[in-house]
Amino acid sequence: MYNHSMTSNFEFLKNKDKKLFNIIDDAEKLYRDGYFEQTIAQTRKFAEIMAKNVLGIRRTTEETFDEVLGTLKDIMGENPIEKEFLDDMYFLKKQGNLAVHDSATPLNGNIALECLQRAFEASLNYAVKNGANKKILNNHYSIDLLMTGKTYKFSEKYQKIREEENEDLKKEVKNIAEFAKNTDENKVLKADFKKKKVIKDKKPKAKAKKEQSPKKTKKEKLEKQTVQNGDFLFYGVIFSVIFVLLVNIILFVLPF
């Protein structure tokens, strides 16, 4: 499944500078094992040797990394590639110094990874200047290769992805089957719940009807009683008028 022709992102250096390749190959292995500060220190060593090699015959009294970088800075012009190379060298030197000395801030895997990536970019230009094919400038740093020390062929990697997708599909089908298995039981539960809900909803309505009924009857009785009282009052007035007339007849008419 794996392509064992590459075990390092820096494979292109193997035939150009064996010493540099061995140093940076060890740095990747240290990172893989979780030794991040040692990785950073190793990339600093890698950068210092590379910088001295770039200075080459122009080197005179420069001994330290700072002295070498100072001379390179004076020699190199405004070329963007050369400026980027120097920037990477200074970054690797700074982080390497922090890793070697007791730093108050612990260096983590992100910094170690950036050191490896910057070492990679710098070494591409270094290799091209030493006769490597310019096509390697299109190379990209592979995290997969860093973490496993192995590379997939594209077709094999695609196949692995498909296998993982198939596993997810199998799990989904299994979940659907489990759901289908319990469908009847779910229907009974839903029907029972619906029945209880209907009964529960009906009770308040019946109660409300019952509560409204007495109010309506009482109102009707009140209206009926009012009518009856009106009738009694009317007949009482008539009876009183007749009674008064009779009394007057008896008192005033009959004596004559």
C-alpha atoms as a PDB file:
ATOM      1  CA  MET A   1       0.000   0.000   0.000  1.00  0.00           C
ATOM      2  CA  TYR A   2       2.853   2.374   0.704  1.00  0.00           C
ATOM      3  CA  ASN A   3       5.454   3.816  -1.582  1.00  0.00           C
ATOM      4  CA  HIS A   4       8.710   3.193   0.253  1.00  0.00           C
ATOM      5  CA  SER A   5      10.825   5.203  -2.201  1.00  0.00           C
ATOM      6  CA  MET A   6      10.448   8.274   0.048  1.00  0.00           C
ATOM      7  CA  THR A   7      10.820   8.312   3.817  1.00  0.00           C
ATOM      8  CA  SER A   8      11.521  12.057   4.245  1.00  0.00           C
ATOM      9  CA  ASN A   9      10.360  15.364   2.810  1.00  0.00           C
ATOM     10  CA  PHE A  10      14.037  16.142   2.234  1.00  0.00           C
ATOM     11  CA  GLU A  11      14.719  13.152  -0.013  1.00  0.00           C
ATOM     12  CA  PHE A  12      15.921  15.495  -2.798  1.00  0.00           C
ATOM     13  CA  LEU A  13      18.908  16.429  -0.599  1.00  0.00           C
ATOM     14  CA  LYS A  14      20.180  12.876  -0.292  1.00  0.00           C
ATOM     15  CA  ASN A  15      22.178  12.975  -3.520  1.00  0.00           C
ATOM     16  CA  LYS A  16      23.242  16.631  -3.154  1.00  0.00           C
ATOM     17  CA  ASP A  17      24.418  16.828   0.458  1.00  0.00           C
ATOM     18  CA  LYS A  18      24.326  13.597   2.418  1.00  0.00           C
ATOM     19  CA  LYS A  19      25.399  15.269   5.687  1.00  0.00           C
ATOM     20  CA  LEU A  20      22.620  17.842   5.563  1.00  0.00           C
ATOM     21  CA  PHE A  21      20.090  15.167   4.639  1.00  0.00           C
ATOM     22  CA  ASN A  22      21.032  13.018   7.639  1.00  0.00           C
ATOM     23  CA  ILE A  23      20.710  15.977  10.038  1.00  0.00           C
ATOM     24  CA  ILE A  24      17.260  17.032   8.836  1.00  0.00           C
ATOM     25  CA  ASP A  25      16.072  13.436   8.479  1.00  0.00           C
ATOM     26  CA  ASP A  26      16.862  12.968  12.174  1.00  0.00           C
ATOM     27  CA  ALA A  27      14.917  16.176  12.911  1.00  0.00           C
ATOM     28  CA  GLU A  28      11.789  14.736  11.267  1.00  0.00           C
ATOM     29  CA  LYS A  29      12.160  11.501  13.212  1.00  0.00           C
ATOM     30  CA  LEU A  30      12.484  13.462  16.468  1.00  0.00           C
ATOM     31  CA  TYR A  31       9.300  15.351  15.636  1.00  0.00           C
ATOM     32  CA  ARG A  32       7.510  12.089  14.853  1.00  0.00           C
ATOM     33  CA  ASP A  33       8.442  10.806  18.312  1.00  0.00           C
ATOM     34  CA  GLY A  34       7.266  13.990  20.029  1.00  0.00           C
ATOM     35  CA  TYR A  35      10.653  15.517  20.850  1.00  0.00           C
ATOM     36  CA  PHE A  36       9.804  19.020  19.690  1.00  0.00           C
ATOM     37  CA  GLU A  37      12.585  21.035  21.328  1.00  0.00           C
ATOM     38  CA  GLN A  38      15.190  18.562  20.021  1.00  0.00           C
ATOM     39  CA  THR A  39      13.605  18.916  16.582  1.00  0.00           C
ATOM     40  CA  ILE A  40      14.013  22.683  16.726  1.00  0.00           C
ATOM     41  CA  ALA A  41      17.632  22.408  17.894  1.00  0.00           C
ATOM     42  CA  GLN A  42      18.354  20.001  15.030  1.00  0.00           C
ATOM     43  CA  THR A  43      16.857  22.388  12.448  1.00  0.00           C
ATOM     44  CA  ARG A  44      19.118  25.142  13.801  1.00  0.00           C
ATOM     45  CA  LYS A  45      22.150  22.912  13.291  1.00  0.00           C
ATOM     46  CA  PHE A  46      20.887  22.144   9.778  1.00  0.00           C
ATOM     47  CA  ALA A  47      20.481  25.871   8.989  1.00  0.00           C
ATOM     48  CA  GLU A  48      23.931  26.822  10.297  1.00  0.00           C
ATOM     49  CA  ILE A  49      25.727  24.211   8.179  1.00  0.00           C
ATOM     50  CA  MET A  50      23.655  25.183   5.135  1.00  0.00           C
ATOM     51  CA  ALA A  51      24.466  28.893   5.611  1.00  0.00           C
ATOM     52  CA  LYS A  52      28.214  28.131   5.848  1.00  0.00           C
ATOM     53  CA  ASN A  53      27.973  26.035   2.675  1.00  0.00           C
ATOM     54  CA  VAL A  54      26.187  28.870   0.856  1.00  0.00           C
ATOM     55  CA  LEU A  55      28.897  31.317   1.918  1.00  0.00           C
ATOM     56  CA  GLY A  56      31.463  28.791   0.637  1.00  0.00           C
ATOM     57  CA  ILE A  57      34.780  30.195  -0.542  1.00  0.00           C
ATOM     58  CA  ARG A  58      33.708  33.702   0.429  1.00  0.00           C
ATOM     59  CA  ARG A  59      33.973  32.690   4.053  1.00  0.00           C
ATOM     60  CA  THR A  60      37.058  34.161   5.780  1.00  0.00           C
ATOM     61  CA  THR A  61      36.988  34.746   9.522  1.00  0.00           C
ATOM     62  CA  GLU A  62      33.337  33.967  10.113  1.00  0.00           C
ATOM     63  CA  GLU A  63      32.960  31.272  12.763  1.00  0.00           C
ATOM     64  CA  THR A  64      29.640  31.763  14.498  1.00  0.00           C
ATOM     65  CA  PHE A  65      26.215  31.479  12.930  1.00  0.00           C
ATOM     66  CA  ASP A  66      25.613  35.207  13.521  1.00  0.00           C
ATOM     67  CA  GLU A  67      28.848  36.122  11.710  1.00  0.00           C
ATOM     68  CA  VAL A  68      28.004  33.893   8.749  1.00  0.00           C
ATOM     69  CA  LEU A  69      24.503  35.384   8.448  1.00  0.00           C
ATOM     70  CA  GLY A  70      25.903  38.899   8.746  1.00  0.00           C
ATOM     71  CA  THR A  71      28.248  38.304   5.802  1.00  0.00           C
ATOM     72  CA  LEU A  72      25.491  36.680   3.726  1.00  0.00           C
ATOM     73  CA  LYS A  73      23.270  39.665   4.393  1.00  0.00           C
ATOM     74  CA  ASP A  74      25.972  41.995   3.058  1.00  0.00           C
ATOM     75  CA  ILE A  75      26.592  39.823  -0.007  1.00  0.00           C
ATOM     76  CA  MET A  76      23.020  39.023  -0.989  1.00  0.00           C
ATOM     77  CA  GLY A  77      21.019  41.672  -2.761  1.00  0.00           C
ATOM     78  CA  GLU A  78      17.329  42.468  -2.933  1.00  0.00           C
ATOM     79  CA  ASN A  79      16.415  39.226  -4.689  1.00  0.00           C
ATOM     80  CA  PRO A  80      13.146  37.990  -3.049  1.00  0.00           C
ATOM     81  CA  ILE A  81      14.362  34.375  -2.985  1.00  0.00           C
ATOM     82  CA  GLU A  82      17.614  35.324  -1.253  1.00  0.00           C
ATOM     83  CA  LYS A  83      15.767  37.576   1.213  1.00  0.00           C
ATOM     84  CA  GLU A  84      13.367  34.733   2.030  1.00  0.00           C
ATOM     85  CA  PHE A  85      16.344  32.382   2.502  1.00  0.00           C
ATOM     86  CA  LEU A  86      17.939  34.778   5.010  1.00  0.00           C
ATOM     87  CA  ASP A  87      14.629  35.268   6.816  1.00  0.00           C
ATOM     88  CA  ASP A  88      14.319  31.488   7.232  1.00  0.00           C
ATOM     89  CA  MET A  89      17.903  31.254   8.495  1.00  0.00           C
ATOM     90  CA  TYR A  90      17.344  33.939  11.143  1.00  0.00           C
ATOM     91  CA  PHE A  91      14.084  32.304  12.243  1.00  0.00           C
ATOM     92  CA  LEU A  92      15.732  28.879  12.635  1.00  0.00           C
ATOM     93  CA  LYS A  93      18.655  30.412  14.518  1.00  0.00           C
ATOM     94  CA  LYS A  94      16.374  32.259  16.951  1.00  0.00           C
ATOM     95  CA  GLN A  95      14.122  29.269  17.679  1.00  0.00           C
ATOM     96  CA  GLY A  96      17.119  26.951  17.921  1.00  0.00           C
ATOM     97  CA  ASN A  97      18.744  29.201  20.522  1.00  0.00           C
ATOM     98  CA  LEU A  98      15.540  29.172  22.572  1.00  0.00           C
ATOM     99  CA  ALA A  99      15.411  25.390  22.377  1.00  0.00           C
ATOM    100  CA  VAL A 100      19.057  24.910  23.383  1.00  0.00           C
ATOM    101  CA  HIS A 101      18.891  27.342  26.318  1.00  0.00           C
ATOM    102  CA  ASP A 102      16.368  27.069  29.118  1.00  0.00           C
ATOM    103  CA  SER A 103      13.533  29.165  27.788  1.00  0.00           C
ATOM    104  CA  ALA A 104      10.780  30.438  30.061  1.00  0.00           C
ATOM    105  CA  THR A 105       8.279  29.660  27.296  1.00  0.00           C
ATOM    106  CA  PRO A 106       8.182  25.959  26.348  1.00  0.00           C
ATOM    107  CA  LEU A 107       8.390  25.365  22.599  1.00  0.00           C
ATOM    108  CA  ASN A 108       5.538  23.310  21.219  1.00  0.00           C
ATOM    109  CA  GLY A 109       4.837  21.152  18.194  1.00  0.00           C
ATOM    110  CA  ASN A 110       3.547  24.065  16.107  1.00  0.00           C
ATOM    111  CA  ILE A 111       6.868  25.872  16.346  1.00  0.00           C
ATOM    112  CA  ALA A 112       8.766  22.659  15.611  1.00  0.00           C
ATOM    113  CA  LEU A 113       6.611  22.085  12.528  1.00  0.00           C
ATOM    114  CA  GLU A 114       7.210  25.632  11.289  1.00  0.00           C
ATOM    115  CA  CYS A 115      10.962  25.114  11.727  1.00  0.00           C
ATOM    116  CA  LEU A 116      10.803  21.969   9.573  1.00  0.00           C
ATOM    117  CA  GLN A 117       8.746  23.751   6.918  1.00  0.00           C
ATOM    118  CA  ARG A 118      11.131  26.741   6.798  1.00  0.00           C
ATOM    119  CA  ALA A 119      14.117  24.389   6.602  1.00  0.00           C
ATOM    120  CA  PHE A 120      12.337  22.671   3.711  1.00  0.00           C
ATOM    121  CA  GLU A 121      11.781  25.919   1.771  1.00  0.00           C
ATOM    122  CA  ALA A 122      15.383  27.024   2.299  1.00  0.00           C
ATOM    123  CA  SER A 123      16.789  23.652   1.280  1.00  0.00           C
ATOM    124  CA  LEU A 124      14.841  23.644  -2.015  1.00  0.00           C
ATOM    125  CA  ASN A 125      16.721  26.753  -3.183  1.00  0.00           C
ATOM    126  CA  TYR A 126      19.963  25.370  -1.783  1.00  0.00           C
ATOM    127  CA  ALA A 127      19.536  22.126  -3.758  1.00  0.00           C
ATOM    128  CA  VAL A 128      18.709  23.968  -6.998  1.00  0.00           C
ATOM    129  CA  LYS A 129      21.855  26.108  -6.616  1.00  0.00           C
ATOM    130  CA  ASN A 130      23.771  22.859  -6.236  1.00  0.00           C
ATOM    131  CA  GLY A 131      22.474  21.384  -9.493  1.00  0.00           C
ATOM    132  CA  ALA A 132      19.092  19.870  -8.559  1.00  0.00           C
ATOM    133  CA  ASN A 133      16.217  20.007 -11.038  1.00  0.00           C
ATOM    134  CA  LYS A 134      14.234  23.254 -10.723  1.00  0.00           C
ATOM    135  CA  LYS A 135      11.023  21.220 -10.731  1.00  0.00           C
ATOM    136  CA  ILE A 136      11.577  20.498  -7.025  1.00  0.00           C
ATOM    137  CA  LEU A 137      10.670  24.144  -6.340  1.00  0.00           C
ATOM    138  CA  ASN A 138       7.058  23.014  -6.887  1.00  0.00           C
ATOM    139  CA  ASN A 139       7.315  20.490  -4.052  1.00  0.00           C
ATOM    140  CA  HIS A 140       5.127  20.944  -0.977  1.00  0.00           C
ATOM    141  CA  TYR A 141       5.873  19.871   2.550  1.00  0.00           C
ATOM    142  CA  SER A 142       3.871  16.733   3.377  1.00  0.00           C
ATOM    143  CA  ILE A 143       2.507  16.338   6.903  1.00  0.00           C
ATOM    144  CA  ASP A 144       1.519  12.731   6.101  1.00  0.00           C
ATOM    145  CA  LEU A 145       5.087  11.877   5.180  1.00  0.00           C
ATOM    146  CA  LEU A 146       6.391  13.647   8.282  1.00  0.00           C
ATOM    147  CA  MET A 147       4.072  11.734  10.637  1.00  0.00           C
ATOM    148  CA  THR A 148       4.340   8.281   9.051  1.00  0.00           C
ATOM    149  CA  GLY A 149       7.698   8.259   7.273  1.00  0.00           C
ATOM    150  CA  LYS A 150       5.821   6.720   4.326  1.00  0.00           C
ATOM    151  CA  THR A 151       4.008   8.037   1.279  1.00  0.00           C
ATOM    152  CA  TYR A 152       0.842   6.785  -0.361  1.00  0.00           C
ATOM    153  CA  LYS A 153       0.451   6.400  -4.056  1.00  0.00           C
ATOM    154  CA  PHE A 154      -2.496   8.520  -5.081  1.00  0.00           C
ATOM    155  CA  SER A 155      -4.653   5.568  -6.154  1.00  0.00           C
ATOM    156  CA  GLU A 156      -3.958   3.720  -2.893  1.00  0.00           C
ATOM    157  CA  LYS A 157      -4.744   6.770  -0.775  1.00  0.00           C
ATOM    158  CA  TYR A 158      -8.002   7.234  -2.697  1.00  0.00           C
ATOM    159  CA  GLN A 159      -8.841   3.578  -2.081  1.00  0.00           C
ATOM    160  CA  LYS A 160      -8.232   3.994   1.650  1.00  0.00           C
ATOM    161  CA  ILE A 161     -10.558   7.007   1.714  1.00  0.00           C
ATOM    162  CA  ARG A 162     -13.249   4.970  -0.072  1.00  0.00           C
ATOM    163  CA  GLU A 163     -12.852   2.154   2.444  1.00  0.00           C
ATOM    164  CA  GLU A 164     -13.377   4.617   5.292  1.00  0.00           C
ATOM    165  CA  GLU A 165     -16.454   5.990   3.537  1.00  0.00           C
ATOM    166  CA  ASN A 166     -17.803   2.450   3.104  1.00  0.00           C
ATOM    167  CA  GLU A 167     -17.396   1.834   6.833  1.00  0.00           C
ATOM    168  CA  ASP A 168     -19.465   4.936   7.551  1.00  0.00           C
ATOM    169  CA  LEU A 169     -22.094   3.749   5.055  1.00  0.00           C
ATOM    170  CA  LYS A 170     -22.272   0.322   6.737  1.00  0.00           C
ATOM    171  CA  LYS A 171     -22.874   1.980  10.110  1.00  0.00           C
ATOM    172  CA  GLU A 172     -25.651   4.111   8.621  1.00  0.00           C
ATOM    173  CA  VAL A 173     -27.351   1.050   7.058  1.00  0.00           C
ATOM    174  CA  LYS A 174     -27.124  -0.781  10.375  1.00  0.00           C
ATOM    175  CA  ASN A 175     -28.789   2.136  12.174  1.00  0.00           C
ATOM    176  CA  ILE A 176     -31.607   2.183   9.588  1.00  0.00           C
ATOM    177  CA  ALA A 177     -32.113  -1.584  10.023  1.00  0.00           C
ATOM    178  CA  GLU A 178     -32.356  -1.193  13.796  1.00  0.00           C
ATOM    179  CA  PHE A 179     -34.926   1.544  13.346  1.00  0.00           C
ATOM    180  CA  ALA A 180     -36.993  -0.572  10.938  1.00  0.00           C
ATOM    181  CA  LYS A 181     -36.894  -3.491  13.369  1.00  0.00           C
ATOM    182  CA  ASN A 182     -38.620  -1.413  16.037  1.00  0.00           C
ATOM    183  CA  THR A 183     -41.111   0.289  13.693  1.00  0.00           C
ATOM    184  CA  ASP A 184     -44.259  -1.605  14.914  1.00  0.00           C
ATOM    185  CA  GLU A 185     -43.425  -0.910  18.501  1.00  0.00           C
ATOM    186  CA  ASN A 186     -42.921   2.751  17.676  1.00  0.00           C
ATOM    187  CA  LYS A 187     -46.319   2.892  15.953  1.00  0.00           C
ATOM    188  CA  VAL A 188     -48.062   1.394  19.017  1.00  0.00           C
ATOM    189  CA  LEU A 189     -46.341   3.890  21.268  1.00  0.00           C
ATOM    190  CA  LYS A 190     -47.275   6.778  18.974  1.00  0.00           C
ATOM    191  CA  ALA A 191     -50.921   5.586  18.685  1.00  0.00           C
ATOM    192  CA  ASP A 192     -51.189   5.187  22.460  1.00  0.00           C
ATOM    193  CA  PHE A 193     -49.718   8.630  22.982  1.00  0.00           C
ATOM    194  CA  LYS A 194     -52.144  10.118  20.434  1.00  0.00           C
ATOM    195  CA  LYS A 195     -55.103   8.440  22.148  1.00  0.00           C
ATOM    196  CA  LYS A 196     -54.081   9.771  25.534  1.00  0.00           C
ATOM    197  CA  LYS A 197     -53.622  13.214  24.061  1.00  0.00           C
ATOM    198  CA  VAL A 198     -57.167  13.214  22.597  1.00  0.00           C
ATOM    199  CA  ILE A 199     -58.702  12.111  25.911  1.00  0.00           C
ATOM    200  CA  LYS A 200     -56.691  14.689  27.738  1.00  0.00           C
ATOM    201  CA  ASP A 201     -57.851  17.396  25.321  1.00  0.00           C
ATOM    202  CA  LYS A 202     -61.536  16.394  25.579  1.00  0.00           C
ATOM    203  CA  LYS A 203     -61.746  16.620  29.353  1.00  0.00           C
ATOM    204  CA  PRO A 204     -61.239  20.377  29.597  1.00  0.00           C
ATOM    205  CA  LYS A 205     -63.862  20.965  26.895  1.00  0.00           C
ATOM    206  CA  ALA A 206     -66.482  18.873  28.727  1.00  0.00           C
ATOM    207  CA  LYS A 207     -65.646  20.600  31.960  1.00  0.00           C
ATOM    208  CA  ALA A 208     -65.910  23.992  30.288  1.00  0.00           C
ATOM    209  CA  LYS A 209     -69.352  23.080  28.909  1.00  0.00           C
ATOM    210  CA  LYS A 210     -70.458  21.954  32.308  1.00  0.00           C
ATOM    211  CA  GLU A 211     -69.204  25.159  33.868  1.00  0.00           C
ATOM    212  CA  GLN A 212     -70.931  27.331  31.269  1.00  0.00           C
ATOM    213  CA  SER A 213     -74.320  25.548  31.558  1.00  0.00           C
ATOM    214  CA  PRO A 214     -75.247  26.745  35.093  1.00  0.00           C
ATOM    215  CA  LYS A 215     -74.404  30.318  34.165  1.00  0.00           C
ATOM    216  CA  LYS A 216     -76.739  30.174  31.186  1.00  0.00           C
ATOM    217  CA  THR A 217     -79.633  28.618  33.254  1.00  0.00           C
ATOM    218  CA  LYS A 218     -79.284  31.172  36.020  1.00  0.00           C
ATOM    219  CA  LYS A 219     -79.516  33.988  33.482  1.00  0.00           C
ATOM    220  CA  GLU A 220     -82.647  32.508  31.967  1.00  0.00           C
ATOM    221  CA  LYS A 221     -84.233  32.135  35.410  1.00  0.00           C
ATOM    222  CA  LEU A 222     -83.427  35.759  36.215  1.00  0.00           C
ATOM    223  CA  GLU A 223     -85.041  36.957  32.972  1.00  0.00           C
ATOM    224  CA  LYS A 224     -88.133  34.791  33.610  1.00  0.00           C
ATOM    225  CA  GLN A 225     -88.446  36.045  37.180  1.00  0.00           C
ATOM    226  CA  THR A 226     -88.189  39.666  35.933  1.00  0.00           C
ATOM    227  CA  VAL A 227     -91.060  39.055  33.492  1.00  0.00           C
ATOM    228  CA  GLN A 228     -93.187  37.496  36.224  1.00  0.00           C
ATOM    229  CA  ASN A 229     -92.530  40.415  38.589  1.00  0.00           C
ATOM    230  CA  GLY A 230     -93.560  42.839  35.832  1.00  0.00           C
ATOM    231  CA  ASP A 231     -96.829  40.998  35.317  1.00  0.00           C
ATOM    232  CA  PHE A 232     -97.641  41.087  39.052  1.00  0.00           C
ATOM    233  CA  LEU A 233     -96.940  44.822  39.181  1.00  0.00           C
ATOM    234  CA  PHE A 234     -99.222  45.503  36.201  1.00  0.00           C
ATOM    235  CA  TYR A 235    -102.120  43.551  37.628  1.00  0.00           C
ATOM    236  CA  GLY A 236    -101.577  45.115  41.036  1.00  0.00           C
ATOM    237  CA  VAL A 237    -101.885  48.629  39.576  1.00  0.00           C
ATOM    238  CA  ILE A 238    -105.119  47.682  37.729  1.00  0.00           C
ATOM    239  CA  PHE A 239    -106.557  46.111  40.867  1.00  0.00           C
ATOM    240  CA  SER A 240    -105.689  49.214  42.940  1.00  0.00           C
ATOM    241  CA  VAL A 241    -107.400  51.575  40.454  1.00  0.00           C
ATOM    242  CA  ILE A 242    -110.597  49.451  40.433  1.00  0.00           C
ATOM    243  CA  PHE A 243    -110.548  49.260  44.208  1.00  0.00           C
ATOM    244  CA  VAL A 244    -110.265  53.074  44.529  1.00  0.00           C
ATOM    245  CA  LEU A 245    -113.180  53.590  42.062  1.00  0.00           C
ATOM    246  CA  LEU A 246    -115.393  51.181  44.005  1.00  0.00           C
ATOM    247  CA  VAL A 247    -114.655  52.935  47.266  1.00  0.00           C
ATOM    248  CA  ASN A 248    -115.540  56.334  45.751  1.00  0.00           C
ATOM    249  CA  ILE A 249    -118.799  54.980  44.338  1.00  0.00           C
ATOM    250  CA  ILE A 250    -119.775  53.591  47.711  1.00  0.00           C
ATOM    251  CA  LEU A 251    -118.958  56.791  49.586  1.00  0.00           C
ATOM    252  CA  PHE A 252    -120.267  59.460  47.235  1.00  0.00           C
ATOM    253  CA  VAL A 253    -122.810  57.990  44.799  1.00  0.00           C
ATOM    254  CA  LEU A 254    -124.885  55.547  46.857  1.00  0.00           C
ATOM    255  CA  PRO A 255    -125.972  57.986  49.639  1.00  0.00           C
ATOM    256  CA  PHE A 256    -127.828  60.122  47.069  1.00  0.00           C
END
